[in-house]
Amino acid sequence: MTTVTVSQKYQIVIPKEVRISLGLRPGQKIQVLVYEGRAEFVPVRDAKSMQGFLRGIDTSVPREPDRS
């Protein structure tokens, strides 16, 4: 686990290994979610990069009778 320090201006530096792991780029938007006493940072992806990410997913799930 990596520890960062909050500056006097409430800024932090995202460690290099985290930036690489998440594929972050300068200027990229990140959503901040507060959940159960912690902040979660989620990179915002454009629709183009999301194309096909569900390819191969199993769609044979039981459905309600009125949804056939």
N, C-alpha and C. Protein backbone atom coordinates (compact mmCIF):
# COMPACT_ATOMS: atom_id res chain seq x y z
N MET A 1 0.84 -1.16 0.00
CA MET A 1 0.00 0.00 0.00
C MET A 1 0.89 1.23 0.00
N THR A 2 0.50 2.23 -0.78
CA THR A 2 1.25 3.47 -0.90
C THR A 2 0.55 4.56 -0.09
N THR A 3 1.32 5.38 0.58
CA THR A 3 0.78 6.49 1.36
C THR A 3 1.15 7.80 0.67
N VAL A 4 0.19 8.72 0.61
CA VAL A 4 0.45 10.05 0.06
C VAL A 4 0.12 11.08 1.14
N THR A 5 0.61 12.29 0.95
CA THR A 5 0.39 13.38 1.90
C THR A 5 -0.47 14.44 1.26
N VAL A 6 -1.44 14.95 2.00
CA VAL A 6 -2.29 16.03 1.52
C VAL A 6 -1.56 17.34 1.79
N SER A 7 -1.43 18.18 0.75
CA SER A 7 -0.73 19.46 0.90
C SER A 7 -1.62 20.48 1.61
N GLN A 8 -1.07 21.66 1.90
CA GLN A 8 -1.84 22.73 2.54
C GLN A 8 -2.98 23.20 1.64
N LYS A 9 -2.87 22.96 0.34
CA LYS A 9 -3.93 23.31 -0.61
C LYS A 9 -4.86 22.12 -0.87
N TYR A 10 -4.78 21.08 -0.04
CA TYR A 10 -5.60 19.87 -0.16
C TYR A 10 -5.34 19.12 -1.47
N GLN A 11 -4.13 19.14 -1.94
CA GLN A 11 -3.75 18.43 -3.15
C GLN A 11 -2.94 17.20 -2.78
N ILE A 12 -3.02 16.17 -3.65
CA ILE A 12 -2.18 14.99 -3.49
C ILE A 12 -1.53 14.68 -4.83
N VAL A 13 -0.45 13.93 -4.79
CA VAL A 13 0.19 13.44 -6.00
C VAL A 13 -0.13 11.96 -6.12
N ILE A 14 -0.68 11.58 -7.25
CA ILE A 14 -0.99 10.16 -7.49
C ILE A 14 0.32 9.46 -7.83
N PRO A 15 0.71 8.46 -7.05
CA PRO A 15 1.98 7.78 -7.29
C PRO A 15 2.08 7.21 -8.71
N LYS A 16 3.28 7.17 -9.24
CA LYS A 16 3.53 6.73 -10.61
C LYS A 16 2.97 5.34 -10.88
N GLU A 17 3.17 4.38 -9.94
CA GLU A 17 2.68 3.02 -10.19
C GLU A 17 1.15 2.99 -10.28
N VAL A 18 0.47 3.87 -9.56
CA VAL A 18 -0.98 3.94 -9.64
C VAL A 18 -1.41 4.56 -10.97
N ARG A 19 -0.73 5.63 -11.38
CA ARG A 19 -1.04 6.27 -12.68
C ARG A 19 -0.88 5.28 -13.81
N ILE A 20 0.18 4.51 -13.78
CA ILE A 20 0.43 3.53 -14.85
C ILE A 20 -0.62 2.43 -14.81
N SER A 21 -0.91 1.92 -13.61
CA SER A 21 -1.88 0.85 -13.45
C SER A 21 -3.27 1.24 -13.95
N LEU A 22 -3.68 2.49 -13.70
CA LEU A 22 -4.99 2.96 -14.13
C LEU A 22 -5.00 3.57 -15.53
N GLY A 23 -3.82 3.73 -16.11
CA GLY A 23 -3.74 4.32 -17.45
C GLY A 23 -4.13 5.79 -17.46
N LEU A 24 -3.78 6.51 -16.40
CA LEU A 24 -4.15 7.93 -16.31
C LEU A 24 -3.25 8.78 -17.20
N ARG A 25 -3.85 9.86 -17.72
CA ARG A 25 -3.12 10.81 -18.55
C ARG A 25 -3.32 12.21 -17.98
N PRO A 26 -2.39 13.13 -18.20
CA PRO A 26 -2.58 14.51 -17.74
C PRO A 26 -3.86 15.10 -18.34
N GLY A 27 -4.65 15.77 -17.52
CA GLY A 27 -5.87 16.39 -17.98
C GLY A 27 -7.09 15.48 -17.97
N GLN A 28 -6.88 14.20 -17.68
CA GLN A 28 -8.00 13.25 -17.67
C GLN A 28 -8.90 13.52 -16.47
N LYS A 29 -10.19 13.29 -16.65
CA LYS A 29 -11.17 13.48 -15.58
C LYS A 29 -11.25 12.21 -14.74
N ILE A 30 -11.48 12.42 -13.43
CA ILE A 30 -11.62 11.32 -12.49
C ILE A 30 -12.83 11.61 -11.61
N GLN A 31 -13.72 10.63 -11.46
CA GLN A 31 -14.85 10.78 -10.55
C GLN A 31 -14.37 10.47 -9.14
N VAL A 32 -14.87 11.24 -8.17
CA VAL A 32 -14.55 10.99 -6.77
C VAL A 32 -15.83 10.57 -6.07
N LEU A 33 -15.82 9.37 -5.52
CA LEU A 33 -16.97 8.84 -4.81
C LEU A 33 -16.62 8.69 -3.33
N VAL A 34 -17.48 9.17 -2.45
CA VAL A 34 -17.28 8.97 -1.02
C VAL A 34 -18.16 7.80 -0.62
N TYR A 35 -17.55 6.78 -0.04
CA TYR A 35 -18.25 5.55 0.29
C TYR A 35 -17.71 4.99 1.60
N GLU A 36 -18.58 4.82 2.57
CA GLU A 36 -18.23 4.23 3.86
C GLU A 36 -16.96 4.83 4.46
N GLY A 37 -16.90 6.15 4.50
CA GLY A 37 -15.78 6.83 5.15
C GLY A 37 -14.48 6.88 4.36
N ARG A 38 -14.55 6.59 3.07
CA ARG A 38 -13.33 6.68 2.25
C ARG A 38 -13.66 7.30 0.91
N ALA A 39 -12.66 7.81 0.24
CA ALA A 39 -12.83 8.38 -1.10
C ALA A 39 -12.28 7.39 -2.12
N GLU A 40 -13.06 7.17 -3.18
CA GLU A 40 -12.62 6.30 -4.26
C GLU A 40 -12.51 7.14 -5.53
N PHE A 41 -11.41 7.01 -6.23
CA PHE A 41 -11.16 7.76 -7.45
C PHE A 41 -11.32 6.83 -8.63
N VAL A 42 -12.25 7.16 -9.53
CA VAL A 42 -12.57 6.30 -10.67
C VAL A 42 -12.32 7.07 -11.96
N PRO A 43 -11.40 6.59 -12.80
CA PRO A 43 -11.13 7.28 -14.07
C PRO A 43 -12.38 7.30 -14.95
N VAL A 44 -12.65 8.44 -15.56
CA VAL A 44 -13.76 8.58 -16.51
C VAL A 44 -13.25 8.13 -17.87
N ARG A 45 -13.92 7.18 -18.46
CA ARG A 45 -13.53 6.68 -19.78
C ARG A 45 -14.52 7.19 -20.82
N ASP A 46 -14.04 7.52 -22.00
CA ASP A 46 -14.95 7.94 -23.06
C ASP A 46 -15.63 6.71 -23.67
N ALA A 47 -16.77 6.92 -24.28
CA ALA A 47 -17.57 5.82 -24.82
C ALA A 47 -16.79 5.02 -25.86
N LYS A 48 -15.97 5.67 -26.64
CA LYS A 48 -15.19 4.99 -27.69
C LYS A 48 -14.27 3.92 -27.09
N SER A 49 -13.64 4.22 -25.96
CA SER A 49 -12.72 3.26 -25.36
C SER A 49 -13.46 2.10 -24.69
N MET A 50 -14.74 2.26 -24.41
CA MET A 50 -15.53 1.22 -23.77
C MET A 50 -16.12 0.23 -24.78
N GLN A 51 -16.04 0.56 -26.06
CA GLN A 51 -16.63 -0.28 -27.09
C GLN A 51 -16.06 -1.70 -27.04
N GLY A 52 -16.95 -2.69 -26.91
CA GLY A 52 -16.55 -4.09 -26.95
C GLY A 52 -16.04 -4.66 -25.64
N PHE A 53 -16.09 -3.89 -24.54
CA PHE A 53 -15.51 -4.42 -23.31
C PHE A 53 -16.32 -5.55 -22.69
N LEU A 54 -17.56 -5.76 -23.15
CA LEU A 54 -18.38 -6.88 -22.66
C LEU A 54 -18.39 -8.05 -23.63
N ARG A 55 -17.57 -8.01 -24.66
CA ARG A 55 -17.52 -9.08 -25.65
C ARG A 55 -17.23 -10.41 -24.96
N GLY A 56 -18.03 -11.42 -25.28
CA GLY A 56 -17.83 -12.74 -24.71
C GLY A 56 -18.56 -12.99 -23.41
N ILE A 57 -19.31 -12.01 -22.92
CA ILE A 57 -20.04 -12.19 -21.66
C ILE A 57 -21.17 -13.20 -21.86
N ASP A 58 -21.43 -14.00 -20.83
CA ASP A 58 -22.49 -15.01 -20.88
C ASP A 58 -23.84 -14.32 -20.73
N THR A 59 -24.66 -14.39 -21.77
CA THR A 59 -25.97 -13.75 -21.74
C THR A 59 -27.10 -14.75 -21.53
N SER A 60 -26.76 -15.99 -21.24
CA SER A 60 -27.80 -17.02 -21.05
C SER A 60 -28.21 -17.08 -19.57
N VAL A 61 -28.85 -16.03 -19.12
CA VAL A 61 -29.32 -15.96 -17.74
C VAL A 61 -30.82 -16.18 -17.71
N PRO A 62 -31.35 -16.76 -16.63
CA PRO A 62 -32.80 -16.93 -16.54
C PRO A 62 -33.50 -15.57 -16.55
N ARG A 63 -34.59 -15.49 -17.29
CA ARG A 63 -35.33 -14.23 -17.40
C ARG A 63 -36.72 -14.40 -16.83
N GLU A 64 -37.31 -13.30 -16.42
CA GLU A 64 -38.68 -13.32 -15.95
C GLU A 64 -39.59 -13.67 -17.11
N PRO A 65 -40.72 -14.35 -16.85
CA PRO A 65 -41.60 -14.78 -17.94
C PRO A 65 -42.09 -13.62 -18.82
N ASP A 66 -42.28 -12.44 -18.26
CA ASP A 66 -42.77 -11.32 -19.05
C ASP A 66 -41.67 -10.61 -19.83
N ARG A 67 -40.43 -11.09 -19.75
CA ARG A 67 -39.30 -10.46 -20.43
C ARG A 67 -38.72 -11.29 -21.56
N SER A 68 -39.46 -12.21 -22.11
CA SER A 68 -38.90 -13.10 -23.14
C SER A 68 -38.90 -12.52 -24.50
